[in-house]
Protein backbone atom coordinates (compact mmCIF):
# COMPACT_ATOMS: atom_id res chain seq x y z
CA MET A 1 -20.07 -44.05 40.74
CA ALA A 2 -20.87 -47.53 42.04
CA LYS A 3 -23.35 -45.98 44.45
CA ASP A 4 -25.04 -44.19 41.55
CA ILE A 5 -25.36 -47.45 39.62
CA LYS A 6 -26.84 -49.23 42.65
CA THR A 7 -29.34 -46.40 43.12
CA LEU A 8 -30.29 -46.53 39.44
CA LEU A 9 -30.78 -50.31 39.52
CA ALA A 10 -32.86 -50.06 42.67
CA HIS A 11 -35.09 -47.49 41.01
CA ASP A 12 -35.33 -49.06 37.52
CA PRO A 13 -33.88 -52.58 37.09
CA MET A 14 -34.38 -52.45 33.30
CA ALA A 15 -32.28 -49.28 32.93
CA ILE A 16 -29.09 -51.20 32.08
CA VAL A 17 -30.93 -53.24 29.44
CA LYS A 18 -32.39 -50.09 27.91
CA ASP A 19 -28.97 -48.46 27.83
CA ALA A 20 -27.44 -51.56 26.24
CA ILE A 21 -30.13 -51.61 23.54
CA GLY A 22 -29.60 -47.92 22.86
CA THR A 23 -25.84 -48.37 22.63
CA LEU A 24 -26.24 -51.30 20.27
CA ALA A 25 -28.62 -49.29 18.07
CA VAL A 26 -26.14 -46.41 17.83
CA MET A 27 -23.34 -48.82 16.95
CA VAL A 28 -25.43 -50.45 14.20
CA ILE A 29 -26.35 -47.05 12.73
CA LEU A 30 -22.71 -45.91 12.83
CA PHE A 31 -21.50 -49.15 11.27
CA GLY A 32 -24.12 -48.86 8.52
CA ALA A 33 -23.29 -45.21 7.84
CA LEU A 34 -19.57 -45.93 7.59
CA HIS A 35 -20.15 -48.73 5.08
CA LEU A 36 -22.73 -46.85 2.98
CA PRO A 37 -20.16 -45.32 0.57
CA MET A 38 -18.98 -48.84 -0.29
CA PHE A 39 -22.38 -49.59 -1.92
CA GLY A 40 -22.56 -46.34 -3.93
C-alpha cells in the first residue's frame, strides 16, 4: 500500500489534496443532511 501511495504521489502530487477536499465535501454534505430535520 505504501508503494501505491508513493507511485500515486510521483504521478500526481496534488492527488492527496484533491482526495482531502473531496472527503471534506462529503463530510459537510452528510453533516448538513443529518441536521436538516432539525430546521423543519
